[in-house]
Amino acid sequence: MSVHQEADPTAFEWKGRCGPFEMRLSERTFPPSSISLLLGDAIDVADGETVLDVGCGCGVLGIVSALLGAGRVHGVDSAPDTAEVAEANAQRLGVADRTTFTSGDLFEPIPDDVVAELPVRLVEKAPGWLSDRGRLLLPSGSLQDEQQLLAAARDTFAHVEKVGERRLPLPQNIAATSEVEQLWRDGVIDLEPRGSRLLWYARAWYCQVAA
């Protein structure tokens, strides 16, 4: 007699940088996305560096940074359960001794350390938390006003360099909405027709305080 075992909805297999390994989630913690895979591939951390992961989710990018040699990782997220989930994942993967995950908004729970990975919305706040040699790993995509974001980054940082790019299919249920069609027509977002599908681009940039 064969027994069918359903997949564990609280488990996610990370197949990106340093993987594969299993990450645990909660009902309120989002799994890593295609953007997470892109940023994971782009992480460039030297031995002993400090990483700040704002919007850490289940902690995967902070954990990858620790596995790559970061001396200290501080993760923060305002969503429920994320700090507990990330801490448990770090414990399971053997990096709990150099990772700390806390619940909060933006930088409030974080000590004055070097920042290396941040979400898009923090681009203008990041320089105040970076050392002279610090850098920001910035995600962007053609589903947003990317040119405005990059203009702000170039106004803020001495050097902005693209370090990763992925072309991804836009889900049909999203592509078919009138809102997406209007944004595309207005030039706010950039999509590439390919057969019956629409493709969008996810990109990663390193922004350096000093040239």
C-alpha atoms as a PDB file:
ATOM      1  CA  MET A   1       0.000   0.000   0.000  1.00  0.00           C
ATOM      2  CA  SER A   2       1.374   3.395  -0.966  1.00  0.00           C
ATOM      3  CA  VAL A   3       0.869   6.400   1.236  1.00  0.00           C
ATOM      4  CA  HIS A   4       0.670   9.840  -0.370  1.00  0.00           C
ATOM      5  CA  GLN A   5       2.383  12.531   1.661  1.00  0.00           C
ATOM      6  CA  GLU A   6       1.382  16.106   0.958  1.00  0.00           C
ATOM      7  CA  ALA A   7       4.069  18.747   0.722  1.00  0.00           C
ATOM      8  CA  ASP A   8       4.700  20.640   3.940  1.00  0.00           C
ATOM      9  CA  PRO A   9       3.292  24.169   3.371  1.00  0.00           C
ATOM     10  CA  THR A  10       5.681  25.563   5.992  1.00  0.00           C
ATOM     11  CA  ALA A  11       8.787  24.296   4.179  1.00  0.00           C
ATOM     12  CA  PHE A  12      10.533  25.865   1.176  1.00  0.00           C
ATOM     13  CA  GLU A  13      13.590  24.550  -0.634  1.00  0.00           C
ATOM     14  CA  TRP A  14      16.016  27.336  -1.452  1.00  0.00           C
ATOM     15  CA  LYS A  15      17.811  26.427  -4.690  1.00  0.00           C
ATOM     16  CA  GLY A  16      19.734  29.684  -5.024  1.00  0.00           C
ATOM     17  CA  ARG A  17      23.189  30.771  -3.826  1.00  0.00           C
ATOM     18  CA  CYS A  18      24.756  28.404  -1.260  1.00  0.00           C
ATOM     19  CA  GLY A  19      21.802  26.021  -1.676  1.00  0.00           C
ATOM     20  CA  PRO A  20      19.998  23.794  -1.870  1.00  0.00           C
ATOM     21  CA  PHE A  21      18.735  23.911   1.700  1.00  0.00           C
ATOM     22  CA  GLU A  22      15.369  23.923   3.392  1.00  0.00           C
ATOM     23  CA  MET A  23      13.826  27.088   4.809  1.00  0.00           C
ATOM     24  CA  ARG A  24      10.915  27.050   7.224  1.00  0.00           C
ATOM     25  CA  LEU A  25       8.044  29.506   6.823  1.00  0.00           C
ATOM     26  CA  SER A  26       4.933  30.424   8.762  1.00  0.00           C
ATOM     27  CA  GLU A  27       1.437  31.101   7.456  1.00  0.00           C
ATOM     28  CA  ARG A  28       2.270  34.827   7.490  1.00  0.00           C
ATOM     29  CA  THR A  29       5.809  34.661   6.094  1.00  0.00           C
ATOM     30  CA  PHE A  30       6.204  34.914   2.327  1.00  0.00           C
ATOM     31  CA  PRO A  31       8.540  32.428   0.619  1.00  0.00           C
ATOM     32  CA  PRO A  32      11.621  33.750  -1.204  1.00  0.00           C
ATOM     33  CA  SER A  33      10.850  35.084  -4.682  1.00  0.00           C
ATOM     34  CA  SER A  34      12.596  35.416  -8.046  1.00  0.00           C
ATOM     35  CA  ILE A  35      13.969  38.737  -6.759  1.00  0.00           C
ATOM     36  CA  SER A  36      15.459  36.866  -3.782  1.00  0.00           C
ATOM     37  CA  LEU A  37      17.246  34.498  -6.180  1.00  0.00           C
ATOM     38  CA  LEU A  38      18.581  37.439  -8.191  1.00  0.00           C
ATOM     39  CA  LEU A  39      19.847  39.259  -5.089  1.00  0.00           C
ATOM     40  CA  GLY A  40      21.328  36.064  -3.681  1.00  0.00           C
ATOM     41  CA  ASP A  41      23.395  35.611  -6.823  1.00  0.00           C
ATOM     42  CA  ALA A  42      24.535  39.246  -6.636  1.00  0.00           C
ATOM     43  CA  ILE A  43      25.624  39.316  -2.975  1.00  0.00           C
ATOM     44  CA  ASP A  44      29.295  40.231  -2.682  1.00  0.00           C
ATOM     45  CA  VAL A  45      30.416  40.120   0.932  1.00  0.00           C
ATOM     46  CA  ALA A  46      33.978  39.932   2.229  1.00  0.00           C
ATOM     47  CA  ASP A  47      34.976  37.852   5.242  1.00  0.00           C
ATOM     48  CA  GLY A  48      34.051  39.640   8.441  1.00  0.00           C
ATOM     49  CA  GLU A  49      31.828  42.324   6.894  1.00  0.00           C
ATOM     50  CA  THR A  50      28.583  43.370   8.543  1.00  0.00           C
ATOM     51  CA  VAL A  51      25.327  42.990   6.604  1.00  0.00           C
ATOM     52  CA  LEU A  52      21.987  44.650   7.301  1.00  0.00           C
ATOM     53  CA  ASP A  53      19.011  42.903   5.706  1.00  0.00           C
ATOM     54  CA  VAL A  54      15.961  45.169   5.892  1.00  0.00           C
ATOM     55  CA  GLY A  55      12.768  43.352   4.974  1.00  0.00           C
ATOM     56  CA  CYS A  56      14.452  40.040   5.793  1.00  0.00           C
ATOM     57  CA  GLY A  57      11.393  37.784   5.536  1.00  0.00           C
ATOM     58  CA  CYS A  58      12.359  34.211   6.388  1.00  0.00           C
ATOM     59  CA  GLY A  59      15.998  35.324   6.608  1.00  0.00           C
ATOM     60  CA  VAL A  60      17.319  33.633   3.487  1.00  0.00           C
ATOM     61  CA  LEU A  61      19.504  36.492   2.166  1.00  0.00           C
ATOM     62  CA  GLY A  62      20.964  37.186   5.591  1.00  0.00           C
ATOM     63  CA  ILE A  63      21.695  33.478   6.004  1.00  0.00           C
ATOM     64  CA  VAL A  64      23.328  33.334   2.561  1.00  0.00           C
ATOM     65  CA  SER A  65      25.465  36.337   3.546  1.00  0.00           C
ATOM     66  CA  ALA A  66      26.565  34.540   6.711  1.00  0.00           C
ATOM     67  CA  LEU A  67      27.382  31.381   4.753  1.00  0.00           C
ATOM     68  CA  LEU A  68      29.481  33.513   2.391  1.00  0.00           C
ATOM     69  CA  GLY A  69      31.556  34.821   5.290  1.00  0.00           C
ATOM     70  CA  ALA A  70      29.819  37.855   6.777  1.00  0.00           C
ATOM     71  CA  GLY A  71      31.030  38.446  10.295  1.00  0.00           C
ATOM     72  CA  ARG A  72      27.676  39.763  11.499  1.00  0.00           C
ATOM     73  CA  VAL A  73      24.175  39.888   9.980  1.00  0.00           C
ATOM     74  CA  HIS A  74      21.347  42.032  11.344  1.00  0.00           C
ATOM     75  CA  GLY A  75      17.909  41.318   9.866  1.00  0.00           C
ATOM     76  CA  VAL A  76      14.736  43.306  10.476  1.00  0.00           C
ATOM     77  CA  ASP A  77      11.158  43.006   9.231  1.00  0.00           C
ATOM     78  CA  SER A  78       7.874  44.555  10.347  1.00  0.00           C
ATOM     79  CA  ALA A  79       5.720  41.599   9.218  1.00  0.00           C
ATOM     80  CA  PRO A  80       4.420  39.231  11.928  1.00  0.00           C
ATOM     81  CA  ASP A  81       6.444  36.120  12.778  1.00  0.00           C
ATOM     82  CA  THR A  82       9.413  36.976  10.563  1.00  0.00           C
ATOM     83  CA  ALA A  83      11.995  37.440  13.320  1.00  0.00           C
ATOM     84  CA  GLU A  84      11.100  34.125  14.952  1.00  0.00           C
ATOM     85  CA  VAL A  85      11.022  32.276  11.628  1.00  0.00           C
ATOM     86  CA  ALA A  86      14.357  33.746  10.497  1.00  0.00           C
ATOM     87  CA  GLU A  87      16.041  32.973  13.826  1.00  0.00           C
ATOM     88  CA  ALA A  88      14.846  29.352  13.648  1.00  0.00           C
ATOM     89  CA  ASN A  89      16.168  29.028  10.086  1.00  0.00           C
ATOM     90  CA  ALA A  90      19.536  30.479  11.075  1.00  0.00           C
ATOM     91  CA  GLN A  91      19.729  28.013  13.977  1.00  0.00           C
ATOM     92  CA  ARG A  92      18.944  25.050  11.723  1.00  0.00           C
ATOM     93  CA  LEU A  93      21.546  26.131   9.164  1.00  0.00           C
ATOM     94  CA  GLY A  94      24.333  26.719  11.690  1.00  0.00           C
ATOM     95  CA  VAL A  95      24.730  30.504  11.456  1.00  0.00           C
ATOM     96  CA  ALA A  96      22.819  31.622  14.552  1.00  0.00           C
ATOM     97  CA  ASP A  97      26.077  32.675  16.223  1.00  0.00           C
ATOM     98  CA  ARG A  98      26.514  35.535  13.759  1.00  0.00           C
ATOM     99  CA  THR A  99      22.932  36.474  12.855  1.00  0.00           C
ATOM    100  CA  THR A 100      20.348  38.533  14.723  1.00  0.00           C
ATOM    101  CA  PHE A 101      16.769  39.013  13.528  1.00  0.00           C
ATOM    102  CA  THR A 102      14.406  41.529  15.086  1.00  0.00           C
ATOM    103  CA  SER A 103      10.877  42.783  14.500  1.00  0.00           C
ATOM    104  CA  GLY A 104      10.455  46.440  13.644  1.00  0.00           C
ATOM    105  CA  ASP A 105      10.148  49.054  10.934  1.00  0.00           C
ATOM    106  CA  LEU A 106      12.964  50.319   8.729  1.00  0.00           C
ATOM    107  CA  PHE A 107      16.219  50.774  10.685  1.00  0.00           C
ATOM    108  CA  GLU A 108      14.794  51.362  14.156  1.00  0.00           C
ATOM    109  CA  PRO A 109      15.935  48.132  15.895  1.00  0.00           C
ATOM    110  CA  ILE A 110      19.319  48.051  14.123  1.00  0.00           C
ATOM    111  CA  PRO A 111      22.635  49.203  15.650  1.00  0.00           C
ATOM    112  CA  ASP A 112      25.063  51.401  13.733  1.00  0.00           C
ATOM    113  CA  ASP A 113      26.585  48.834  11.380  1.00  0.00           C
ATOM    114  CA  VAL A 114      27.466  48.682   7.689  1.00  0.00           C
ATOM    115  CA  VAL A 115      24.508  48.140   5.394  1.00  0.00           C
ATOM    116  CA  ALA A 116      24.805  45.717   2.451  1.00  0.00           C
ATOM    117  CA  GLU A 117      21.303  44.650   1.419  1.00  0.00           C
ATOM    118  CA  LEU A 118      18.192  46.830   1.430  1.00  0.00           C
ATOM    119  CA  PRO A 119      14.791  46.960  -0.260  1.00  0.00           C
ATOM    120  CA  VAL A 120      14.063  49.531  -2.921  1.00  0.00           C
ATOM    121  CA  ARG A 121      12.092  51.901  -0.709  1.00  0.00           C
ATOM    122  CA  LEU A 122      15.096  52.672   1.465  1.00  0.00           C
ATOM    123  CA  VAL A 123      17.434  53.967  -1.220  1.00  0.00           C
ATOM    124  CA  GLU A 124      17.369  57.547   0.057  1.00  0.00           C
ATOM    125  CA  LYS A 125      17.821  56.548   3.711  1.00  0.00           C
ATOM    126  CA  ALA A 126      20.698  54.129   3.197  1.00  0.00           C
ATOM    127  CA  PRO A 127      23.675  56.544   3.017  1.00  0.00           C
ATOM    128  CA  GLY A 128      23.136  57.655   6.603  1.00  0.00           C
ATOM    129  CA  TRP A 129      23.766  54.072   7.735  1.00  0.00           C
ATOM    130  CA  LEU A 130      26.685  53.271   5.461  1.00  0.00           C
ATOM    131  CA  SER A 131      30.374  53.710   6.123  1.00  0.00           C
ATOM    132  CA  ASP A 132      32.519  55.507   3.544  1.00  0.00           C
ATOM    133  CA  ARG A 133      33.219  52.136   1.918  1.00  0.00           C
ATOM    134  CA  GLY A 134      29.699  50.800   2.372  1.00  0.00           C
ATOM    135  CA  ARG A 135      27.407  49.729  -0.437  1.00  0.00           C
ATOM    136  CA  LEU A 136      23.749  49.084  -1.082  1.00  0.00           C
ATOM    137  CA  LEU A 137      22.429  46.058  -2.978  1.00  0.00           C
ATOM    138  CA  LEU A 138      19.368  47.513  -4.669  1.00  0.00           C
ATOM    139  CA  PRO A 139      16.656  45.497  -6.428  1.00  0.00           C
ATOM    140  CA  SER A 140      14.684  47.061  -9.251  1.00  0.00           C
ATOM    141  CA  GLY A 141      12.422  45.928 -12.056  1.00  0.00           C
ATOM    142  CA  SER A 142      10.587  47.004 -15.161  1.00  0.00           C
ATOM    143  CA  LEU A 143       7.275  46.679 -13.271  1.00  0.00           C
ATOM    144  CA  GLN A 144       8.051  49.950 -11.491  1.00  0.00           C
ATOM    145  CA  ASP A 145       9.215  53.417 -12.471  1.00  0.00           C
ATOM    146  CA  GLU A 146      12.756  52.110 -12.650  1.00  0.00           C
ATOM    147  CA  GLN A 147      14.289  55.181 -14.264  1.00  0.00           C
ATOM    148  CA  GLN A 148      13.100  57.421 -11.451  1.00  0.00           C
ATOM    149  CA  LEU A 149      14.538  55.017  -8.883  1.00  0.00           C
ATOM    150  CA  LEU A 150      17.896  54.800 -10.644  1.00  0.00           C
ATOM    151  CA  ALA A 151      18.046  58.568 -11.036  1.00  0.00           C
ATOM    152  CA  ALA A 152      17.609  58.894  -7.269  1.00  0.00           C
ATOM    153  CA  ALA A 153      20.296  56.264  -6.682  1.00  0.00           C
ATOM    154  CA  ARG A 154      22.742  58.039  -8.992  1.00  0.00           C
ATOM    155  CA  ASP A 155      22.027  61.345  -7.278  1.00  0.00           C
ATOM    156  CA  THR A 156      22.744  59.737  -3.897  1.00  0.00           C
ATOM    157  CA  PHE A 157      25.653  57.393  -4.567  1.00  0.00           C
ATOM    158  CA  ALA A 158      29.018  57.941  -6.241  1.00  0.00           C
ATOM    159  CA  HIS A 159      28.825  54.749  -8.283  1.00  0.00           C
ATOM    160  CA  VAL A 160      25.852  52.611  -9.413  1.00  0.00           C
ATOM    161  CA  GLU A 161      26.546  49.353 -11.270  1.00  0.00           C
ATOM    162  CA  LYS A 162      24.176  46.657 -12.541  1.00  0.00           C
ATOM    163  CA  VAL A 163      25.258  43.266 -11.178  1.00  0.00           C
ATOM    164  CA  GLY A 164      22.377  40.998 -12.166  1.00  0.00           C
ATOM    165  CA  GLU A 165      19.344  40.687 -14.427  1.00  0.00           C
ATOM    166  CA  ARG A 166      16.583  38.136 -14.988  1.00  0.00           C
ATOM    167  CA  ARG A 167      13.793  38.062 -17.546  1.00  0.00           C
ATOM    168  CA  LEU A 168      10.589  36.710 -16.030  1.00  0.00           C
ATOM    169  CA  PRO A 169       7.089  35.946 -17.377  1.00  0.00           C
ATOM    170  CA  LEU A 170       4.288  38.115 -16.022  1.00  0.00           C
ATOM    171  CA  PRO A 171       1.470  35.896 -14.677  1.00  0.00           C
ATOM    172  CA  GLN A 172      -1.490  35.877 -17.035  1.00  0.00           C
ATOM    173  CA  ASN A 173      -3.979  36.973 -14.371  1.00  0.00           C
ATOM    174  CA  ILE A 174      -1.877  40.108 -13.771  1.00  0.00           C
ATOM    175  CA  ALA A 175      -1.004  40.763 -17.407  1.00  0.00           C
ATOM    176  CA  ALA A 176      -4.684  40.763 -18.345  1.00  0.00           C
ATOM    177  CA  THR A 177      -5.674  43.547 -15.936  1.00  0.00           C
ATOM    178  CA  SER A 178      -6.607  46.987 -17.209  1.00  0.00           C
ATOM    179  CA  GLU A 179      -4.284  48.590 -14.653  1.00  0.00           C
ATOM    180  CA  VAL A 180      -1.209  46.874 -16.110  1.00  0.00           C
ATOM    181  CA  GLU A 181      -2.288  47.727 -19.641  1.00  0.00           C
ATOM    182  CA  GLN A 182      -2.672  51.407 -18.698  1.00  0.00           C
ATOM    183  CA  LEU A 183       0.686  51.592 -16.913  1.00  0.00           C
ATOM    184  CA  TRP A 184       2.371  49.963 -19.894  1.00  0.00           C
ATOM    185  CA  ARG A 185       0.664  52.342 -22.316  1.00  0.00           C
ATOM    186  CA  ASP A 186       1.699  55.333 -20.180  1.00  0.00           C
ATOM    187  CA  GLY A 187       5.330  54.165 -20.136  1.00  0.00           C
ATOM    188  CA  VAL A 188       5.429  53.765 -16.356  1.00  0.00           C
ATOM    189  CA  ILE A 189       6.340  50.077 -16.639  1.00  0.00           C
ATOM    190  CA  ASP A 190       8.295  48.285 -19.365  1.00  0.00           C
ATOM    191  CA  LEU A 191       7.117  44.924 -20.726  1.00  0.00           C
ATOM    192  CA  GLU A 192       8.369  42.782 -23.597  1.00  0.00           C
ATOM    193  CA  PRO A 193       5.807  40.847 -25.681  1.00  0.00           C
ATOM    194  CA  ARG A 194       6.938  37.298 -26.385  1.00  0.00           C
ATOM    195  CA  GLY A 195       4.337  35.208 -28.192  1.00  0.00           C
ATOM    196  CA  SER A 196       1.232  35.163 -26.025  1.00  0.00           C
ATOM    197  CA  ARG A 197       3.171  36.181 -22.905  1.00  0.00           C
ATOM    198  CA  LEU A 198       4.478  39.417 -21.477  1.00  0.00           C
ATOM    199  CA  LEU A 199       7.957  39.438 -19.944  1.00  0.00           C
ATOM    200  CA  TRP A 200       9.379  41.806 -17.336  1.00  0.00           C
ATOM    201  CA  TYR A 201      12.921  42.341 -16.095  1.00  0.00           C
ATOM    202  CA  ALA A 202      14.235  42.087 -12.538  1.00  0.00           C
ATOM    203  CA  ARG A 203      17.616  43.716 -11.924  1.00  0.00           C
ATOM    204  CA  ALA A 204      20.119  44.102  -9.088  1.00  0.00           C
ATOM    205  CA  TRP A 205      22.463  47.071  -8.615  1.00  0.00           C
ATOM    206  CA  TYR A 206      25.381  47.763  -6.320  1.00  0.00           C
ATOM    207  CA  CYS A 207      25.392  51.399  -5.171  1.00  0.00           C
ATOM    208  CA  GLN A 208      28.648  52.569  -3.585  1.00  0.00           C
ATOM    209  CA  VAL A 209      29.091  55.596  -1.345  1.00  0.00           C
ATOM    210  CA  ALA A 210      32.614  56.198  -2.647  1.00  0.00           C
ATOM    211  CA  ALA A 211      33.662  55.785  -6.275  1.00  0.00           C
END
